């Protein structure tokens, strides 16, 4: 599902217009991004947690030349699924 499909689905399930759903989704994503930038994260009980994690500096290899390269430390976004989401996904049959 892409962004446009998500907006369509939100509009249909809430009875709102697509424009209202677009504004809501943009505001939600903006809020999550701002809080992750501040390293506070967002926790939605039952769904999951949007947070950041620190990756340590490490040594990697250039796959073409085999030469060692230094990969600097960095902060990356992380999503941890909540128990209810894990249970719902885990019960699906493929």
N, C-alpha and C. Protein backbone atom coordinates (compact mmCIF):
# COMPACT_ATOMS: atom_id res chain seq x y z
N UNK A 1 0.85 -1.17 0.00
CA UNK A 1 0.00 0.00 0.00
C UNK A 1 0.90 1.23 0.00
N UNK A 2 0.63 2.12 -0.92
CA UNK A 2 1.39 3.36 -0.97
C UNK A 2 0.60 4.48 -0.27
N UNK A 3 1.17 5.68 -0.27
CA UNK A 3 0.56 6.80 0.44
C UNK A 3 -0.84 7.13 -0.08
N UNK A 4 -1.01 7.16 -1.39
CA UNK A 4 -2.32 7.49 -1.98
C UNK A 4 -3.37 6.44 -1.61
N UNK A 5 -2.98 5.18 -1.64
CA UNK A 5 -3.91 4.11 -1.26
C UNK A 5 -4.27 4.19 0.22
N UNK A 6 -3.30 4.54 1.05
CA UNK A 6 -3.56 4.70 2.48
C UNK A 6 -4.54 5.84 2.72
N UNK A 7 -4.36 6.94 2.02
CA UNK A 7 -5.27 8.09 2.16
C UNK A 7 -6.68 7.70 1.73
N UNK A 8 -6.79 6.97 0.62
CA UNK A 8 -8.11 6.50 0.17
C UNK A 8 -8.78 5.62 1.22
N UNK A 9 -8.01 4.70 1.78
CA UNK A 9 -8.55 3.78 2.79
C UNK A 9 -8.96 4.53 4.04
N UNK A 10 -8.14 5.48 4.49
CA UNK A 10 -8.50 6.29 5.66
C UNK A 10 -9.77 7.09 5.41
N UNK A 11 -9.88 7.68 4.22
CA UNK A 11 -11.07 8.48 3.89
C UNK A 11 -12.33 7.62 3.91
N UNK A 12 -12.25 6.42 3.34
CA UNK A 12 -13.41 5.53 3.30
C UNK A 12 -13.79 5.04 4.70
N UNK A 13 -12.80 4.67 5.50
CA UNK A 13 -13.12 4.10 6.81
C UNK A 13 -13.56 5.15 7.84
N UNK A 14 -13.17 6.41 7.66
CA UNK A 14 -13.57 7.45 8.61
C UNK A 14 -14.73 8.31 8.11
N UNK A 15 -15.03 8.22 6.82
CA UNK A 15 -16.10 9.05 6.27
C UNK A 15 -15.66 10.48 6.01
N UNK A 16 -14.37 10.75 6.12
CA UNK A 16 -13.83 12.08 5.86
C UNK A 16 -13.46 12.20 4.38
N UNK A 17 -13.15 13.42 3.96
CA UNK A 17 -12.71 13.61 2.58
C UNK A 17 -11.26 13.16 2.46
N UNK A 18 -10.83 12.97 1.22
CA UNK A 18 -9.44 12.60 0.97
C UNK A 18 -8.50 13.72 1.42
N UNK A 19 -8.93 14.96 1.25
CA UNK A 19 -8.10 16.10 1.66
C UNK A 19 -7.91 16.10 3.18
N UNK A 20 -8.98 15.83 3.93
CA UNK A 20 -8.88 15.75 5.39
C UNK A 20 -7.97 14.60 5.81
N UNK A 21 -8.10 13.47 5.14
CA UNK A 21 -7.26 12.31 5.46
C UNK A 21 -5.79 12.60 5.13
N UNK A 22 -5.56 13.32 4.05
CA UNK A 22 -4.19 13.72 3.66
C UNK A 22 -3.58 14.62 4.72
N UNK A 23 -4.36 15.60 5.20
CA UNK A 23 -3.87 16.51 6.24
C UNK A 23 -3.59 15.76 7.54
N UNK A 24 -4.47 14.83 7.90
CA UNK A 24 -4.28 14.06 9.12
C UNK A 24 -3.01 13.21 9.02
N UNK A 25 -2.83 12.53 7.90
CA UNK A 25 -1.65 11.68 7.72
C UNK A 25 -0.37 12.52 7.74
N UNK A 26 -0.39 13.66 7.06
CA UNK A 26 0.78 14.54 7.06
C UNK A 26 1.11 15.03 8.46
N UNK A 27 0.09 15.40 9.22
CA UNK A 27 0.31 15.87 10.60
C UNK A 27 0.86 14.75 11.47
N UNK A 28 0.34 13.54 11.30
CA UNK A 28 0.82 12.40 12.08
C UNK A 28 2.29 12.11 11.78
N UNK A 29 2.63 12.04 10.49
CA UNK A 29 4.01 11.75 10.11
C UNK A 29 4.96 12.86 10.55
N UNK A 30 4.52 14.10 10.47
CA UNK A 30 5.33 15.23 10.90
C UNK A 30 5.59 15.15 12.41
N UNK A 31 4.56 14.83 13.19
CA UNK A 31 4.70 14.73 14.63
C UNK A 31 5.65 13.60 15.02
N UNK A 32 5.50 12.46 14.38
CA UNK A 32 6.39 11.33 14.67
C UNK A 32 7.82 11.69 14.32
N UNK A 33 8.02 12.32 13.17
CA UNK A 33 9.37 12.70 12.74
C UNK A 33 10.01 13.70 13.71
N UNK A 34 9.25 14.71 14.13
CA UNK A 34 9.77 15.71 15.06
C UNK A 34 10.18 15.07 16.39
N UNK A 35 9.33 14.19 16.91
CA UNK A 35 9.65 13.55 18.18
C UNK A 35 10.84 12.61 18.06
N UNK A 36 10.98 11.94 16.93
CA UNK A 36 12.14 11.07 16.74
C UNK A 36 13.40 11.90 16.61
N UNK A 37 13.31 13.06 15.97
CA UNK A 37 14.46 13.96 15.86
C UNK A 37 14.93 14.42 17.23
N UNK A 38 13.97 14.64 18.14
CA UNK A 38 14.30 15.04 19.50
C UNK A 38 14.69 13.84 20.37
N UNK A 39 14.70 12.65 19.76
CA UNK A 39 15.03 11.40 20.44
C UNK A 39 14.03 11.06 21.55
N UNK A 40 12.79 11.52 21.40
CA UNK A 40 11.74 11.20 22.36
C UNK A 40 10.92 10.00 21.89
N UNK A 41 10.72 9.88 20.59
CA UNK A 41 9.94 8.78 20.05
C UNK A 41 8.45 8.95 20.28
N UNK A 42 7.69 8.00 19.75
CA UNK A 42 6.24 7.99 19.90
C UNK A 42 5.82 6.55 20.22
N UNK A 43 5.07 6.38 21.30
CA UNK A 43 4.61 5.06 21.70
C UNK A 43 3.10 5.00 21.54
N UNK A 44 2.61 4.05 20.75
CA UNK A 44 1.18 3.83 20.58
C UNK A 44 0.91 2.45 21.16
N UNK A 45 0.29 2.42 22.33
CA UNK A 45 0.08 1.17 23.05
C UNK A 45 -0.71 0.19 22.18
N UNK A 46 -0.21 -1.01 22.08
CA UNK A 46 -0.84 -2.06 21.29
C UNK A 46 -0.38 -2.09 19.85
N UNK A 47 0.11 -0.97 19.33
CA UNK A 47 0.57 -0.92 17.95
C UNK A 47 2.08 -1.01 17.87
N UNK A 48 2.77 -0.08 18.53
CA UNK A 48 4.22 -0.12 18.50
C UNK A 48 4.85 1.19 18.91
N UNK A 49 6.18 1.22 18.83
CA UNK A 49 6.96 2.39 19.23
C UNK A 49 7.86 2.83 18.09
N UNK A 50 7.79 4.11 17.77
CA UNK A 50 8.70 4.73 16.82
C UNK A 50 9.79 5.37 17.65
N UNK A 51 11.05 4.99 17.43
CA UNK A 51 12.16 5.50 18.24
C UNK A 51 13.41 5.63 17.38
N UNK A 52 14.51 5.99 18.04
CA UNK A 52 15.80 6.04 17.35
C UNK A 52 16.77 5.14 18.10
N UNK A 53 17.79 4.68 17.40
CA UNK A 53 18.83 3.87 17.99
C UNK A 53 20.18 4.35 17.48
N UNK A 54 21.18 4.17 18.28
CA UNK A 54 22.54 4.59 17.93
C UNK A 54 23.30 3.38 17.40
N UNK A 55 23.87 3.51 16.21
CA UNK A 55 24.72 2.47 15.65
C UNK A 55 26.17 2.84 15.92
N UNK A 56 26.94 1.89 16.37
CA UNK A 56 28.35 2.14 16.66
C UNK A 56 29.14 2.24 15.36
N UNK A 57 30.27 2.93 15.44
CA UNK A 57 31.19 2.98 14.30
C UNK A 57 31.75 1.57 14.10
N UNK A 58 32.00 1.21 12.87
CA UNK A 58 32.51 -0.12 12.59
C UNK A 58 33.35 -0.12 11.32
N UNK A 59 34.01 -1.21 11.07
CA UNK A 59 34.81 -1.36 9.86
C UNK A 59 34.04 -2.23 8.89
N UNK A 60 33.93 -1.78 7.65
CA UNK A 60 33.26 -2.54 6.61
C UNK A 60 34.22 -2.82 5.47
N UNK A 61 33.71 -3.47 4.44
CA UNK A 61 34.54 -3.78 3.28
C UNK A 61 33.85 -3.30 2.01
N UNK A 62 34.64 -2.73 1.12
CA UNK A 62 34.14 -2.36 -0.20
C UNK A 62 34.01 -3.66 -0.98
N UNK A 63 32.80 -4.01 -1.44
CA UNK A 63 32.61 -5.30 -2.11
C UNK A 63 33.35 -5.40 -3.45
N UNK A 64 33.63 -4.28 -4.09
CA UNK A 64 34.33 -4.33 -5.38
C UNK A 64 35.83 -4.51 -5.23
N UNK A 65 36.41 -3.81 -4.25
CA UNK A 65 37.87 -3.85 -4.11
C UNK A 65 38.33 -4.69 -2.92
N UNK A 66 37.44 -4.95 -1.97
CA UNK A 66 37.82 -5.69 -0.78
C UNK A 66 38.54 -4.83 0.24
N UNK A 67 38.70 -3.54 -0.04
CA UNK A 67 39.41 -2.64 0.87
C UNK A 67 38.55 -2.36 2.11
N UNK A 68 39.20 -2.23 3.25
CA UNK A 68 38.50 -1.89 4.49
C UNK A 68 38.14 -0.41 4.48
N UNK A 69 36.94 -0.12 4.98
CA UNK A 69 36.50 1.27 5.10
C UNK A 69 35.93 1.47 6.49
N UNK A 70 36.04 2.69 6.99
CA UNK A 70 35.47 3.01 8.29
C UNK A 70 34.05 3.53 8.08
N UNK A 71 33.10 2.93 8.79
CA UNK A 71 31.71 3.38 8.73
C UNK A 71 31.46 4.12 10.04
N UNK A 72 31.12 5.42 9.96
CA UNK A 72 30.96 6.21 11.19
C UNK A 72 29.69 5.82 11.96
N UNK A 73 29.66 6.19 13.23
CA UNK A 73 28.46 5.95 14.03
C UNK A 73 27.35 6.86 13.51
N UNK A 74 26.11 6.43 13.74
CA UNK A 74 24.98 7.25 13.31
C UNK A 74 23.73 6.86 14.07
N UNK A 75 22.75 7.73 14.01
CA UNK A 75 21.46 7.48 14.63
C UNK A 75 20.49 7.06 13.53
N UNK A 76 19.75 5.96 13.78
CA UNK A 76 18.83 5.43 12.77
C UNK A 76 17.42 5.31 13.35
N UNK A 77 16.39 5.41 12.51
CA UNK A 77 15.02 5.22 12.99
C UNK A 77 14.75 3.73 13.23
N UNK A 78 13.91 3.47 14.25
CA UNK A 78 13.57 2.10 14.61
C UNK A 78 12.08 2.03 14.90
N UNK A 79 11.44 0.94 14.49
CA UNK A 79 10.05 0.69 14.86
C UNK A 79 10.01 -0.66 15.58
N UNK A 80 9.43 -0.66 16.77
CA UNK A 80 9.26 -1.90 17.53
C UNK A 80 7.77 -2.19 17.62
N UNK A 81 7.35 -3.31 17.08
CA UNK A 81 5.94 -3.66 17.09
C UNK A 81 5.46 -3.97 18.50
N UNK A 82 4.22 -3.55 18.81
CA UNK A 82 3.62 -3.83 20.11
C UNK A 82 3.05 -5.24 20.15
N UNK A 83 2.68 -5.68 21.34
CA UNK A 83 2.20 -7.04 21.54
C UNK A 83 0.93 -7.33 20.73
N UNK A 84 -0.01 -6.40 20.71
CA UNK A 84 -1.26 -6.63 19.98
C UNK A 84 -1.00 -6.77 18.48
N UNK A 85 -0.11 -5.96 17.93
CA UNK A 85 0.22 -6.05 16.51
C UNK A 85 0.92 -7.37 16.22
N UNK A 86 1.86 -7.77 17.07
CA UNK A 86 2.54 -9.04 16.89
C UNK A 86 1.57 -10.21 16.92
N UNK A 87 0.63 -10.17 17.85
CA UNK A 87 -0.36 -11.24 17.96
C UNK A 87 -1.24 -11.31 16.71
N UNK A 88 -1.68 -10.15 16.23
CA UNK A 88 -2.55 -10.10 15.05
C UNK A 88 -1.81 -10.63 13.82
N UNK A 89 -0.58 -10.20 13.61
CA UNK A 89 0.20 -10.63 12.46
C UNK A 89 0.57 -12.10 12.59
N UNK A 90 0.90 -12.53 13.80
CA UNK A 90 1.31 -13.91 14.02
C UNK A 90 0.21 -14.93 13.80
N UNK A 91 -1.04 -14.51 13.89
CA UNK A 91 -2.17 -15.43 13.72
C UNK A 91 -2.58 -15.61 12.26
N UNK A 92 -2.02 -14.80 11.36
CA UNK A 92 -2.38 -14.90 9.94
C UNK A 92 -1.79 -16.15 9.33
N UNK A 93 -2.53 -16.76 8.44
CA UNK A 93 -2.01 -17.90 7.69
C UNK A 93 -1.61 -17.42 6.30
N UNK A 94 -0.52 -17.96 5.82
CA UNK A 94 0.00 -17.55 4.52
C UNK A 94 -0.51 -18.45 3.45
